[in-house]
Amino acid sequence: MTSTSAAATRLLVRARTGGPKGDRGPKLLEHVLGWTLVVLLAVLVTRAGLM
């Protein structure tokens, strides 16, 4: 391995962007609110006669 490829490998490893590791958040609340929004949208579409 040359020094150039080693430097490129190091940059690729460091270039990952996934946000802060400690930012877990309330995943259960997000799922419940998301599914509530989906159901509400489905009810509104059905009531409006669009389906």
PDB file of N, CA and C in Angstrom:
ATOM      1  N   MET A   1       0.848  -1.168   0.000  1.00  0.00           N
ATOM      2  CA  MET A   1       0.000   0.000   0.000  1.00  0.00           C
ATOM      3  C   MET A   1       0.893   1.229   0.000  1.00  0.00           C
ATOM      4  N   THR A   2       0.606   2.141  -0.894  1.00  0.00           N
ATOM      5  CA  THR A   2       1.406   3.360  -0.959  1.00  0.00           C
ATOM      6  C   THR A   2       0.860   4.373   0.029  1.00  0.00           C
ATOM      7  N   SER A   3       1.628   5.416   0.227  1.00  0.00           N
ATOM      8  CA  SER A   3       1.182   6.430   1.180  1.00  0.00           C
ATOM      9  C   SER A   3      -0.044   7.177   0.655  1.00  0.00           C
ATOM     10  N   THR A   4      -0.158   7.291  -0.666  1.00  0.00           N
ATOM     11  CA  THR A   4      -1.322   7.978  -1.240  1.00  0.00           C
ATOM     12  C   THR A   4      -2.596   7.172  -1.009  1.00  0.00           C
ATOM     13  N   SER A   5      -2.523   5.863  -1.225  1.00  0.00           N
ATOM     14  CA  SER A   5      -3.715   5.044  -1.026  1.00  0.00           C
ATOM     15  C   SER A   5      -4.068   4.937   0.454  1.00  0.00           C
ATOM     16  N   ALA A   6      -3.059   4.960   1.317  1.00  0.00           N
ATOM     17  CA  ALA A   6      -3.337   4.933   2.756  1.00  0.00           C
ATOM     18  C   ALA A   6      -4.040   6.215   3.181  1.00  0.00           C
ATOM     19  N   ALA A   7      -3.625   7.353   2.624  1.00  0.00           N
ATOM     20  CA  ALA A   7      -4.264   8.626   2.963  1.00  0.00           C
ATOM     21  C   ALA A   7      -5.697   8.650   2.437  1.00  0.00           C
ATOM     22  N   ALA A   8      -5.904   8.119   1.232  1.00  0.00           N
ATOM     23  CA  ALA A   8      -7.252   8.085   0.664  1.00  0.00           C
ATOM     24  C   ALA A   8      -8.157   7.182   1.489  1.00  0.00           C
ATOM     25  N   THR A   9      -7.629   6.061   1.949  1.00  0.00           N
ATOM     26  CA  THR A   9      -8.409   5.146   2.778  1.00  0.00           C
ATOM     27  C   THR A   9      -8.800   5.823   4.083  1.00  0.00           C
ATOM     28  N   ARG A  10      -7.863   6.553   4.665  1.00  0.00           N
ATOM     29  CA  ARG A  10      -8.153   7.260   5.909  1.00  0.00           C
ATOM     30  C   ARG A  10      -9.247   8.314   5.701  1.00  0.00           C
ATOM     31  N   LEU A  11      -9.217   9.014   4.566  1.00  0.00           N
ATOM     32  CA  LEU A  11     -10.244  10.008   4.288  1.00  0.00           C
ATOM     33  C   LEU A  11     -11.597   9.354   4.087  1.00  0.00           C
ATOM     34  N   LEU A  12     -11.628   8.210   3.420  1.00  0.00           N
ATOM     35  CA  LEU A  12     -12.900   7.521   3.206  1.00  0.00           C
ATOM     36  C   LEU A  12     -13.503   7.054   4.524  1.00  0.00           C
ATOM     37  N   VAL A  13     -12.651   6.602   5.428  1.00  0.00           N
ATOM     38  CA  VAL A  13     -13.142   6.130   6.722  1.00  0.00           C
ATOM     39  C   VAL A  13     -13.689   7.301   7.524  1.00  0.00           C
ATOM     40  N   ARG A  14     -13.059   8.464   7.433  1.00  0.00           N
ATOM     41  CA  ARG A  14     -13.484   9.623   8.206  1.00  0.00           C
ATOM     42  C   ARG A  14     -14.639  10.367   7.557  1.00  0.00           C
ATOM     43  N   ALA A  15     -14.945  10.105   6.293  1.00  0.00           N
ATOM     44  CA  ALA A  15     -15.939  10.884   5.563  1.00  0.00           C
ATOM     45  C   ALA A  15     -17.372  10.450   5.835  1.00  0.00           C
ATOM     46  N   ARG A  16     -17.569   9.450   6.673  1.00  0.00           N
ATOM     47  CA  ARG A  16     -18.929   9.008   6.964  1.00  0.00           C
ATOM     48  C   ARG A  16     -19.681  10.097   7.708  1.00  0.00           C
ATOM     49  N   THR A  17     -20.910  10.365   7.278  1.00  0.00           N
ATOM     50  CA  THR A  17     -21.721  11.380   7.949  1.00  0.00           C
ATOM     51  C   THR A  17     -23.019  10.734   8.392  1.00  0.00           C
ATOM     52  N   GLY A  18     -23.100  10.426   9.646  1.00  0.00           N
ATOM     53  CA  GLY A  18     -24.296   9.796  10.169  1.00  0.00           C
ATOM     54  C   GLY A  18     -24.914  10.596  11.292  1.00  0.00           C
ATOM     55  N   GLY A  19     -24.380  11.754  11.556  1.00  0.00           N
ATOM     56  CA  GLY A  19     -24.888  12.564  12.652  1.00  0.00           C
ATOM     57  C   GLY A  19     -24.240  12.159  13.959  1.00  0.00           C
ATOM     58  N   PRO A  20     -24.609  12.817  15.030  1.00  0.00           N
ATOM     59  CA  PRO A  20     -24.031  12.507  16.335  1.00  0.00           C
ATOM     60  C   PRO A  20     -24.434  11.108  16.803  1.00  0.00           C
ATOM     61  N   LYS A  21     -23.488  10.411  17.372  1.00  0.00           N
ATOM     62  CA  LYS A  21     -23.753   9.040  17.837  1.00  0.00           C
ATOM     63  C   LYS A  21     -24.686   9.034  19.043  1.00  0.00           C
ATOM     64  N   GLY A  22     -24.607  10.033  19.893  1.00  0.00           N
ATOM     65  CA  GLY A  22     -25.406  10.058  21.106  1.00  0.00           C
ATOM     66  C   GLY A  22     -26.837  10.518  20.891  1.00  0.00           C
ATOM     67  N   ASP A  23     -27.163  10.949  19.672  1.00  0.00           N
ATOM     68  CA  ASP A  23     -28.495  11.468  19.405  1.00  0.00           C
ATOM     69  C   ASP A  23     -29.443  10.330  19.053  1.00  0.00           C
ATOM     70  N   ARG A  24     -29.956   9.655  20.049  1.00  0.00           N
ATOM     71  CA  ARG A  24     -30.853   8.518  19.830  1.00  0.00           C
ATOM     72  C   ARG A  24     -32.293   8.993  19.675  1.00  0.00           C
ATOM     73  N   GLY A  25     -32.743   9.858  20.564  1.00  0.00           N
ATOM     74  CA  GLY A  25     -34.093  10.397  20.481  1.00  0.00           C
ATOM     75  C   GLY A  25     -35.149   9.376  20.856  1.00  0.00           C
ATOM     76  N   PRO A  26     -36.367   9.828  21.015  1.00  0.00           N
ATOM     77  CA  PRO A  26     -37.479   8.938  21.358  1.00  0.00           C
ATOM     78  C   PRO A  26     -38.017   8.233  20.115  1.00  0.00           C
ATOM     79  N   LYS A  27     -37.425   7.112  19.768  1.00  0.00           N
ATOM     80  CA  LYS A  27     -37.808   6.413  18.546  1.00  0.00           C
ATOM     81  C   LYS A  27     -39.239   5.895  18.588  1.00  0.00           C
ATOM     82  N   LEU A  28     -39.689   5.440  19.728  1.00  0.00           N
ATOM     83  CA  LEU A  28     -41.055   4.934  19.843  1.00  0.00           C
ATOM     84  C   LEU A  28     -42.058   6.053  19.559  1.00  0.00           C
ATOM     85  N   LEU A  29     -41.817   7.220  20.118  1.00  0.00           N
ATOM     86  CA  LEU A  29     -42.703   8.357  19.895  1.00  0.00           C
ATOM     87  C   LEU A  29     -42.727   8.749  18.414  1.00  0.00           C
ATOM     88  N   GLU A  30     -41.570   8.724  17.760  1.00  0.00           N
ATOM     89  CA  GLU A  30     -41.509   9.047  16.336  1.00  0.00           C
ATOM     90  C   GLU A  30     -42.323   8.054  15.510  1.00  0.00           C
ATOM     91  N   HIS A  31     -42.218   6.775  15.837  1.00  0.00           N
ATOM     92  CA  HIS A  31     -42.967   5.750  15.107  1.00  0.00           C
ATOM     93  C   HIS A  31     -44.470   5.914  15.313  1.00  0.00           C
ATOM     94  N   VAL A  32     -44.872   6.152  16.541  1.00  0.00           N
ATOM     95  CA  VAL A  32     -46.300   6.309  16.831  1.00  0.00           C
ATOM     96  C   VAL A  32     -46.854   7.538  16.118  1.00  0.00           C
ATOM     97  N   LEU A  33     -46.141   8.645  16.176  1.00  0.00           N
ATOM     98  CA  LEU A  33     -46.610   9.855  15.505  1.00  0.00           C
ATOM     99  C   LEU A  33     -46.619   9.686  13.988  1.00  0.00           C
ATOM    100  N   GLY A  34     -45.643   8.988  13.463  1.00  0.00           N
ATOM    101  CA  GLY A  34     -45.597   8.742  12.026  1.00  0.00           C
ATOM    102  C   GLY A  34     -46.768   7.903  11.547  1.00  0.00           C
ATOM    103  N   TRP A  35     -47.054   6.826  12.267  1.00  0.00           N
ATOM    104  CA  TRP A  35     -48.182   5.974  11.875  1.00  0.00           C
ATOM    105  C   TRP A  35     -49.513   6.679  12.089  1.00  0.00           C
ATOM    106  N   THR A  36     -49.609   7.527  13.104  1.00  0.00           N
ATOM    107  CA  THR A  36     -50.824   8.307  13.307  1.00  0.00           C
ATOM    108  C   THR A  36     -51.053   9.236  12.124  1.00  0.00           C
ATOM    109  N   LEU A  37     -49.995   9.852  11.634  1.00  0.00           N
ATOM    110  CA  LEU A  37     -50.105  10.721  10.466  1.00  0.00           C
ATOM    111  C   LEU A  37     -50.550   9.935   9.234  1.00  0.00           C
ATOM    112  N   VAL A  38     -50.012   8.733   9.053  1.00  0.00           N
ATOM    113  CA  VAL A  38     -50.393   7.899   7.910  1.00  0.00           C
ATOM    114  C   VAL A  38     -51.875   7.534   7.978  1.00  0.00           C
ATOM    115  N   VAL A  39     -52.339   7.138   9.146  1.00  0.00           N
ATOM    116  CA  VAL A  39     -53.746   6.754   9.304  1.00  0.00           C
ATOM    117  C   VAL A  39     -54.651   7.970   9.098  1.00  0.00           C
ATOM    118  N   LEU A  40     -54.272   9.114   9.659  1.00  0.00           N
ATOM    119  CA  LEU A  40     -55.056  10.333   9.491  1.00  0.00           C
ATOM    120  C   LEU A  40     -55.148  10.725   8.020  1.00  0.00           C
ATOM    121  N   LEU A  41     -54.062  10.648   7.302  1.00  0.00           N
ATOM    122  CA  LEU A  41     -54.066  10.958   5.880  1.00  0.00           C
ATOM    123  C   LEU A  41     -54.957   9.986   5.104  1.00  0.00           C
ATOM    124  N   ALA A  42     -54.892   8.697   5.443  1.00  0.00           N
ATOM    125  CA  ALA A  42     -55.735   7.701   4.775  1.00  0.00           C
ATOM    126  C   ALA A  42     -57.213   7.972   5.041  1.00  0.00           C
ATOM    127  N   VAL A  43     -57.559   8.358   6.255  1.00  0.00           N
ATOM    128  CA  VAL A  43     -58.955   8.665   6.581  1.00  0.00           C
ATOM    129  C   VAL A  43     -59.418   9.890   5.802  1.00  0.00           C
ATOM    130  N   LEU A  44     -58.599  10.902   5.739  1.00  0.00           N
ATOM    131  CA  LEU A  44     -58.973  12.118   5.013  1.00  0.00           C
ATOM    132  C   LEU A  44     -59.145  11.852   3.518  1.00  0.00           C
ATOM    133  N   VAL A  45     -58.258  11.066   2.945  1.00  0.00           N
ATOM    134  CA  VAL A  45     -58.360  10.732   1.516  1.00  0.00           C
ATOM    135  C   VAL A  45     -59.616   9.930   1.253  1.00  0.00           C
ATOM    136  N   THR A  46     -59.909   8.981   2.123  1.00  0.00           N
ATOM    137  CA  THR A  46     -61.099   8.150   1.961  1.00  0.00           C
ATOM    138  C   THR A  46     -62.377   8.985   2.124  1.00  0.00           C
ATOM    139  N   ARG A  47     -62.406   9.864   3.123  1.00  0.00           N
ATOM    140  CA  ARG A  47     -63.579  10.710   3.372  1.00  0.00           C
ATOM    141  C   ARG A  47     -63.830  11.680   2.209  1.00  0.00           C
ATOM    142  N   ALA A  48     -62.742  12.136   1.605  1.00  0.00           N
ATOM    143  CA  ALA A  48     -62.881  13.102   0.507  1.00  0.00           C
ATOM    144  C   ALA A  48     -63.305  12.414  -0.799  1.00  0.00           C
ATOM    145  N   GLY A  49     -63.318  11.096  -0.808  1.00  0.00           N
ATOM    146  CA  GLY A  49     -63.737  10.355  -1.977  1.00  0.00           C
ATOM    147  C   GLY A  49     -62.665  10.286  -3.059  1.00  0.00           C
ATOM    148  N   LEU A  50     -61.423  10.444  -2.683  1.00  0.00           N
ATOM    149  CA  LEU A  50     -60.343  10.415  -3.665  1.00  0.00           C
ATOM    150  C   LEU A  50     -59.896   8.995  -3.992  1.00  0.00           C
ATOM    151  N   MET A  51     -60.399   8.023  -3.238  1.00  0.00           N
ATOM    152  CA  MET A  51     -60.039   6.632  -3.517  1.00  0.00           C
ATOM    153  C   MET A  51     -61.295   5.805  -3.688  1.00  0.00           C
TER     154      MET A  51
END
